[in-house]
Amino acid sequence: MDTRIKVSGMTCMHCVGAVTKALQSIPGVEQVEVSLESGQATVTGNADTASMLDAIREAGYEAQLI
């Protein structure tokens, strides 16, 4: 299952890496694609969406489901 998340506050590739790392740390996440240009993350897997949003927020960014 794919989950799309709007991520606000990313300004560079370091931000993309931080969001990617935060999402990859969640059990059930199989694949993560984060786009600086669109400000979105696409997560493939069976992870809890609340955990995904919390992980992004803990990394210092705003997040909401699309």
N, C-alpha and C. Protein backbone atom coordinates (compact mmCIF):
# COMPACT_ATOMS: atom_id res chain seq x y z
N MET A 1 0.83 -1.17 0.00
CA MET A 1 0.00 0.00 0.00
C MET A 1 0.88 1.25 0.00
N ASP A 2 0.54 2.23 -0.82
CA ASP A 2 1.27 3.49 -0.86
C ASP A 2 0.55 4.55 -0.05
N THR A 3 1.32 5.30 0.71
CA THR A 3 0.80 6.42 1.48
C THR A 3 1.53 7.67 1.01
N ARG A 4 0.77 8.71 0.67
CA ARG A 4 1.37 9.98 0.23
C ARG A 4 1.23 11.00 1.34
N ILE A 5 2.32 11.69 1.62
CA ILE A 5 2.36 12.65 2.71
C ILE A 5 2.92 13.97 2.20
N LYS A 6 2.25 15.06 2.53
CA LYS A 6 2.75 16.39 2.23
C LYS A 6 3.72 16.77 3.35
N VAL A 7 4.95 17.15 2.98
CA VAL A 7 5.96 17.50 3.96
C VAL A 7 6.35 18.96 3.75
N SER A 8 6.17 19.78 4.78
CA SER A 8 6.50 21.20 4.71
C SER A 8 7.77 21.47 5.51
N GLY A 9 8.57 22.40 5.01
CA GLY A 9 9.77 22.81 5.73
C GLY A 9 11.06 22.28 5.15
N MET A 10 10.98 21.44 4.12
CA MET A 10 12.21 20.93 3.49
C MET A 10 12.78 22.00 2.57
N THR A 11 14.08 22.26 2.69
CA THR A 11 14.71 23.29 1.87
C THR A 11 15.92 22.80 1.07
N CYS A 12 16.39 21.58 1.38
CA CYS A 12 17.60 21.09 0.71
C CYS A 12 17.63 19.56 0.73
N MET A 13 18.65 19.01 0.12
CA MET A 13 18.78 17.55 0.06
C MET A 13 19.05 16.95 1.44
N HIS A 14 19.65 17.72 2.34
CA HIS A 14 19.83 17.23 3.71
C HIS A 14 18.46 16.98 4.35
N CYS A 15 17.51 17.88 4.09
CA CYS A 15 16.15 17.71 4.61
C CYS A 15 15.52 16.44 4.05
N VAL A 16 15.70 16.22 2.75
CA VAL A 16 15.17 15.01 2.11
C VAL A 16 15.74 13.77 2.80
N GLY A 17 17.04 13.79 3.07
CA GLY A 17 17.68 12.66 3.74
C GLY A 17 17.16 12.44 5.14
N ALA A 18 16.91 13.53 5.87
CA ALA A 18 16.40 13.42 7.23
C ALA A 18 15.00 12.82 7.25
N VAL A 19 14.15 13.25 6.32
CA VAL A 19 12.79 12.72 6.25
C VAL A 19 12.82 11.25 5.81
N THR A 20 13.67 10.95 4.84
CA THR A 20 13.80 9.56 4.37
C THR A 20 14.24 8.65 5.51
N LYS A 21 15.26 9.07 6.24
CA LYS A 21 15.78 8.27 7.35
C LYS A 21 14.73 8.07 8.43
N ALA A 22 13.98 9.14 8.74
CA ALA A 22 12.93 9.04 9.76
C ALA A 22 11.87 8.02 9.35
N LEU A 23 11.46 8.07 8.09
CA LEU A 23 10.43 7.14 7.62
C LEU A 23 10.95 5.71 7.53
N GLN A 24 12.19 5.53 7.12
CA GLN A 24 12.75 4.18 7.00
C GLN A 24 12.92 3.49 8.35
N SER A 25 12.91 4.26 9.43
CA SER A 25 13.09 3.68 10.76
C SER A 25 11.81 3.06 11.31
N ILE A 26 10.71 3.24 10.60
CA ILE A 26 9.41 2.75 11.09
C ILE A 26 9.19 1.31 10.64
N PRO A 27 8.83 0.43 11.57
CA PRO A 27 8.54 -0.96 11.18
C PRO A 27 7.41 -1.02 10.16
N GLY A 28 7.59 -1.84 9.15
CA GLY A 28 6.57 -2.01 8.12
C GLY A 28 6.80 -1.18 6.87
N VAL A 29 7.72 -0.21 6.94
CA VAL A 29 8.03 0.61 5.77
C VAL A 29 8.97 -0.19 4.87
N GLU A 30 8.57 -0.34 3.61
CA GLU A 30 9.37 -1.10 2.66
C GLU A 30 10.19 -0.19 1.75
N GLN A 31 9.59 0.93 1.32
CA GLN A 31 10.27 1.84 0.39
C GLN A 31 9.81 3.26 0.67
N VAL A 32 10.75 4.21 0.53
CA VAL A 32 10.46 5.61 0.76
C VAL A 32 11.00 6.42 -0.40
N GLU A 33 10.17 7.31 -0.94
CA GLU A 33 10.61 8.28 -1.95
C GLU A 33 10.19 9.66 -1.46
N VAL A 34 11.17 10.55 -1.32
CA VAL A 34 10.90 11.91 -0.87
C VAL A 34 11.33 12.87 -1.96
N SER A 35 10.45 13.79 -2.32
CA SER A 35 10.73 14.76 -3.37
C SER A 35 10.78 16.17 -2.79
N LEU A 36 11.93 16.82 -2.92
CA LEU A 36 12.06 18.20 -2.48
C LEU A 36 11.21 19.11 -3.35
N GLU A 37 11.18 18.85 -4.65
CA GLU A 37 10.46 19.69 -5.60
C GLU A 37 8.96 19.73 -5.31
N SER A 38 8.37 18.57 -5.05
CA SER A 38 6.92 18.52 -4.81
C SER A 38 6.57 18.66 -3.34
N GLY A 39 7.57 18.50 -2.46
CA GLY A 39 7.30 18.56 -1.03
C GLY A 39 6.46 17.39 -0.55
N GLN A 40 6.69 16.23 -1.17
CA GLN A 40 5.90 15.05 -0.83
C GLN A 40 6.79 13.84 -0.56
N ALA A 41 6.24 12.95 0.26
CA ALA A 41 6.87 11.66 0.50
C ALA A 41 5.86 10.58 0.11
N THR A 42 6.35 9.55 -0.55
CA THR A 42 5.53 8.38 -0.86
C THR A 42 6.14 7.20 -0.15
N VAL A 43 5.34 6.54 0.67
CA VAL A 43 5.82 5.43 1.48
C VAL A 43 5.07 4.17 1.07
N THR A 44 5.83 3.12 0.78
CA THR A 44 5.25 1.83 0.43
C THR A 44 5.46 0.89 1.61
N GLY A 45 4.40 0.18 1.98
CA GLY A 45 4.50 -0.78 3.06
C GLY A 45 3.25 -0.79 3.91
N ASN A 46 3.36 -1.45 5.05
CA ASN A 46 2.22 -1.63 5.96
C ASN A 46 2.42 -0.89 7.27
N ALA A 47 3.05 0.25 7.24
CA ALA A 47 3.31 1.00 8.46
C ALA A 47 2.09 1.80 8.88
N ASP A 48 2.02 2.09 10.15
CA ASP A 48 0.95 2.92 10.73
C ASP A 48 1.14 4.37 10.28
N THR A 49 0.09 4.97 9.72
CA THR A 49 0.22 6.33 9.20
C THR A 49 0.52 7.34 10.31
N ALA A 50 -0.04 7.15 11.49
CA ALA A 50 0.24 8.07 12.60
C ALA A 50 1.72 8.02 12.96
N SER A 51 2.32 6.85 12.91
CA SER A 51 3.75 6.71 13.19
C SER A 51 4.59 7.44 12.15
N MET A 52 4.15 7.38 10.89
CA MET A 52 4.87 8.09 9.83
C MET A 52 4.83 9.60 10.05
N LEU A 53 3.65 10.11 10.33
CA LEU A 53 3.51 11.55 10.56
C LEU A 53 4.31 11.99 11.77
N ASP A 54 4.26 11.21 12.85
CA ASP A 54 5.01 11.52 14.06
C ASP A 54 6.52 11.53 13.79
N ALA A 55 7.01 10.57 13.01
CA ALA A 55 8.43 10.50 12.71
C ALA A 55 8.90 11.73 11.94
N ILE A 56 8.10 12.16 10.99
CA ILE A 56 8.46 13.36 10.21
C ILE A 56 8.45 14.59 11.12
N ARG A 57 7.46 14.70 11.95
CA ARG A 57 7.38 15.85 12.86
C ARG A 57 8.53 15.86 13.86
N GLU A 58 8.90 14.68 14.35
CA GLU A 58 10.03 14.60 15.28
C GLU A 58 11.34 14.97 14.60
N ALA A 59 11.41 14.79 13.28
CA ALA A 59 12.59 15.17 12.53
C ALA A 59 12.63 16.68 12.27
N GLY A 60 11.54 17.38 12.61
CA GLY A 60 11.53 18.83 12.51
C GLY A 60 10.74 19.42 11.36
N TYR A 61 9.86 18.61 10.76
CA TYR A 61 9.08 19.07 9.59
C TYR A 61 7.60 18.90 9.88
N GLU A 62 6.79 19.62 9.13
CA GLU A 62 5.34 19.47 9.23
C GLU A 62 4.90 18.39 8.25
N ALA A 63 3.87 17.64 8.62
CA ALA A 63 3.42 16.54 7.76
C ALA A 63 1.91 16.38 7.84
N GLN A 64 1.31 16.07 6.69
CA GLN A 64 -0.11 15.73 6.66
C GLN A 64 -0.36 14.77 5.51
N LEU A 65 -1.33 13.91 5.68
CA LEU A 65 -1.69 12.95 4.65
C LEU A 65 -2.30 13.69 3.45
N ILE A 66 -2.04 13.18 2.27
CA ILE A 66 -2.63 13.75 1.06
C ILE A 66 -3.84 12.91 0.70
